[in-house]
């Protein structure tokens, strides 16, 4: 199973519903579409702590871009299923969120 951890520090507010949190967690991540299609679950991280998780139903290019040495690239968004419980192994992953995102394959 693979997981993508995403920072929601700038957009999440304590007390948000699962649906509201999914809206702020699902989109505009600076990864490739190929990587986005490899991950099974998305975990939202707030202030260094995993707070919610969803299964990924699909990945697609968003209209937003991010800059690379080779020029702008599209950011990736995810179609998410219903909220799932956080797995214990997701709580102990070192969260080095470069550009707000980190993915772990086979976790």
C-alpha atoms as a PDB file:
ATOM      1  CA  UNK A   1       0.000   0.000   0.000  1.00  0.00           C
ATOM      2  CA  UNK A   2       1.285   3.472  -0.830  1.00  0.00           C
ATOM      3  CA  UNK A   3       0.414   6.765   0.806  1.00  0.00           C
ATOM      4  CA  UNK A   4       0.804  10.435   0.010  1.00  0.00           C
ATOM      5  CA  UNK A   5       1.080  12.807   2.970  1.00  0.00           C
ATOM      6  CA  UNK A   6      -0.005  16.388   2.277  1.00  0.00           C
ATOM      7  CA  UNK A   7       0.304  19.489   4.439  1.00  0.00           C
ATOM      8  CA  UNK A   8      -2.948  21.335   5.063  1.00  0.00           C
ATOM      9  CA  UNK A   9      -1.380  23.904   7.426  1.00  0.00           C
ATOM     10  CA  UNK A  10      -2.481  26.882   5.309  1.00  0.00           C
ATOM     11  CA  UNK A  11      -6.007  25.730   4.494  1.00  0.00           C
ATOM     12  CA  UNK A  12      -7.307  23.472   7.275  1.00  0.00           C
ATOM     13  CA  UNK A  13      -9.100  24.931  10.264  1.00  0.00           C
ATOM     14  CA  UNK A  14      -9.793  22.865  13.398  1.00  0.00           C
ATOM     15  CA  UNK A  15     -13.420  21.817  13.465  1.00  0.00           C
ATOM     16  CA  UNK A  16     -13.747  21.380   9.694  1.00  0.00           C
ATOM     17  CA  UNK A  17     -15.944  18.485   8.622  1.00  0.00           C
ATOM     18  CA  UNK A  18     -14.424  15.542   6.760  1.00  0.00           C
ATOM     19  CA  UNK A  19     -15.913  16.857   3.513  1.00  0.00           C
ATOM     20  CA  UNK A  20     -14.472  20.343   4.069  1.00  0.00           C
ATOM     21  CA  UNK A  21     -11.067  18.859   4.894  1.00  0.00           C
ATOM     22  CA  UNK A  22     -11.179  16.683   1.761  1.00  0.00           C
ATOM     23  CA  UNK A  23     -11.728  19.810  -0.350  1.00  0.00           C
ATOM     24  CA  UNK A  24      -8.577  21.453   1.012  1.00  0.00           C
ATOM     25  CA  UNK A  25      -6.489  18.269   0.871  1.00  0.00           C
ATOM     26  CA  UNK A  26      -7.340  16.894  -2.575  1.00  0.00           C
ATOM     27  CA  UNK A  27      -5.731  19.346  -4.982  1.00  0.00           C
ATOM     28  CA  UNK A  28      -2.729  21.172  -6.365  1.00  0.00           C
ATOM     29  CA  UNK A  29       0.213  18.992  -5.313  1.00  0.00           C
ATOM     30  CA  UNK A  30       3.639  19.377  -6.983  1.00  0.00           C
ATOM     31  CA  UNK A  31       4.155  15.786  -8.099  1.00  0.00           C
ATOM     32  CA  UNK A  32       3.938  14.040 -11.439  1.00  0.00           C
ATOM     33  CA  UNK A  33       0.774  12.383 -12.652  1.00  0.00           C
ATOM     34  CA  UNK A  34       2.664   9.062 -12.774  1.00  0.00           C
ATOM     35  CA  UNK A  35       3.475   9.379  -9.073  1.00  0.00           C
ATOM     36  CA  UNK A  36      -0.084  10.422  -8.275  1.00  0.00           C
ATOM     37  CA  UNK A  37      -1.391   7.299  -9.948  1.00  0.00           C
ATOM     38  CA  UNK A  38       0.866   5.073  -7.811  1.00  0.00           C
ATOM     39  CA  UNK A  39      -0.554   6.070  -4.440  1.00  0.00           C
ATOM     40  CA  UNK A  40      -3.533   4.394  -2.786  1.00  0.00           C
ATOM     41  CA  UNK A  41      -4.331   6.713   0.117  1.00  0.00           C
ATOM     42  CA  UNK A  42      -4.012  10.391   0.997  1.00  0.00           C
ATOM     43  CA  UNK A  43      -3.222  11.513   4.554  1.00  0.00           C
ATOM     44  CA  UNK A  44      -3.748  15.152   5.543  1.00  0.00           C
ATOM     45  CA  UNK A  45      -1.095  16.502   7.926  1.00  0.00           C
ATOM     46  CA  UNK A  46      -1.760  19.530  10.130  1.00  0.00           C
ATOM     47  CA  UNK A  47       1.139  21.052  12.088  1.00  0.00           C
ATOM     48  CA  UNK A  48       3.160  17.848  11.695  1.00  0.00           C
ATOM     49  CA  UNK A  49       0.376  15.495  12.821  1.00  0.00           C
ATOM     50  CA  UNK A  50      -1.627  13.209  10.503  1.00  0.00           C
ATOM     51  CA  UNK A  51      -5.284  14.140  11.069  1.00  0.00           C
ATOM     52  CA  UNK A  52      -7.425  12.466   8.380  1.00  0.00           C
ATOM     53  CA  UNK A  53      -7.128   9.952   5.548  1.00  0.00           C
ATOM     54  CA  UNK A  54      -8.999   9.027   2.386  1.00  0.00           C
ATOM     55  CA  UNK A  55      -8.639   6.353  -0.295  1.00  0.00           C
ATOM     56  CA  UNK A  56      -7.574   7.750  -3.657  1.00  0.00           C
ATOM     57  CA  UNK A  57     -10.003   6.904  -6.439  1.00  0.00           C
ATOM     58  CA  UNK A  58      -8.010   8.641  -9.175  1.00  0.00           C
ATOM     59  CA  UNK A  59      -5.388  11.285  -9.956  1.00  0.00           C
ATOM     60  CA  UNK A  60      -5.546  14.000 -12.602  1.00  0.00           C
ATOM     61  CA  UNK A  61      -3.763  17.174 -13.694  1.00  0.00           C
ATOM     62  CA  UNK A  62      -5.170  20.348 -12.187  1.00  0.00           C
ATOM     63  CA  UNK A  63      -5.108  23.750 -13.880  1.00  0.00           C
ATOM     64  CA  UNK A  64      -2.526  25.021 -11.380  1.00  0.00           C
ATOM     65  CA  UNK A  65       1.211  24.711 -12.063  1.00  0.00           C
ATOM     66  CA  UNK A  66       4.483  24.704 -10.144  1.00  0.00           C
ATOM     67  CA  UNK A  67       7.911  25.808 -11.316  1.00  0.00           C
ATOM     68  CA  UNK A  68      10.777  23.434 -12.066  1.00  0.00           C
ATOM     69  CA  UNK A  69      14.165  23.959 -13.694  1.00  0.00           C
ATOM     70  CA  UNK A  70      12.545  22.774 -16.924  1.00  0.00           C
ATOM     71  CA  UNK A  71       9.640  25.221 -16.669  1.00  0.00           C
ATOM     72  CA  UNK A  72       6.120  25.043 -15.278  1.00  0.00           C
ATOM     73  CA  UNK A  73       4.457  21.673 -14.678  1.00  0.00           C
ATOM     74  CA  UNK A  74       0.845  20.928 -13.799  1.00  0.00           C
ATOM     75  CA  UNK A  75      -0.013  20.239 -10.194  1.00  0.00           C
ATOM     76  CA  UNK A  76      -1.875  17.028  -9.431  1.00  0.00           C
ATOM     77  CA  UNK A  77      -5.273  16.634  -7.788  1.00  0.00           C
ATOM     78  CA  UNK A  78      -6.968  13.532  -6.435  1.00  0.00           C
ATOM     79  CA  UNK A  79     -10.488  12.158  -6.464  1.00  0.00           C
ATOM     80  CA  UNK A  80     -11.034  10.941  -2.912  1.00  0.00           C
ATOM     81  CA  UNK A  81     -13.361   8.341  -1.454  1.00  0.00           C
ATOM     82  CA  UNK A  82     -14.926   8.459   1.999  1.00  0.00           C
ATOM     83  CA  UNK A  83     -12.790   9.060   5.065  1.00  0.00           C
ATOM     84  CA  UNK A  84     -10.891   6.034   6.394  1.00  0.00           C
ATOM     85  CA  UNK A  85      -9.250   5.477   9.804  1.00  0.00           C
ATOM     86  CA  UNK A  86      -5.624   6.507  10.171  1.00  0.00           C
ATOM     87  CA  UNK A  87      -3.455   3.395  10.232  1.00  0.00           C
ATOM     88  CA  UNK A  88      -0.870   3.122  13.049  1.00  0.00           C
ATOM     89  CA  UNK A  89       2.023   2.970  10.563  1.00  0.00           C
ATOM     90  CA  UNK A  90       0.961   6.329   9.095  1.00  0.00           C
ATOM     91  CA  UNK A  91       1.428   7.985  12.479  1.00  0.00           C
ATOM     92  CA  UNK A  92       5.109   7.042  12.813  1.00  0.00           C
ATOM     93  CA  UNK A  93       6.337   8.099   9.365  1.00  0.00           C
ATOM     94  CA  UNK A  94       8.936  10.900   9.432  1.00  0.00           C
ATOM     95  CA  UNK A  95       7.101  13.706   7.709  1.00  0.00           C
ATOM     96  CA  UNK A  96       9.580  15.666   5.608  1.00  0.00           C
ATOM     97  CA  UNK A  97       7.023  17.453   3.476  1.00  0.00           C
ATOM     98  CA  UNK A  98       9.006  19.069   0.682  1.00  0.00           C
ATOM     99  CA  UNK A  99       6.731  21.596  -1.009  1.00  0.00           C
ATOM    100  CA  UNK A 100       3.997  20.358   1.307  1.00  0.00           C
ATOM    101  CA  UNK A 101       3.956  16.757   0.108  1.00  0.00           C
ATOM    102  CA  UNK A 102       5.679  13.416   0.685  1.00  0.00           C
ATOM    103  CA  UNK A 103       4.785  10.010  -0.656  1.00  0.00           C
ATOM    104  CA  UNK A 104       5.736   6.596   0.662  1.00  0.00           C
ATOM    105  CA  UNK A 105       5.437   3.473  -1.441  1.00  0.00           C
ATOM    106  CA  UNK A 106       4.894   0.104   0.236  1.00  0.00           C
ATOM    107  CA  UNK A 107       4.037   1.363   3.693  1.00  0.00           C
END
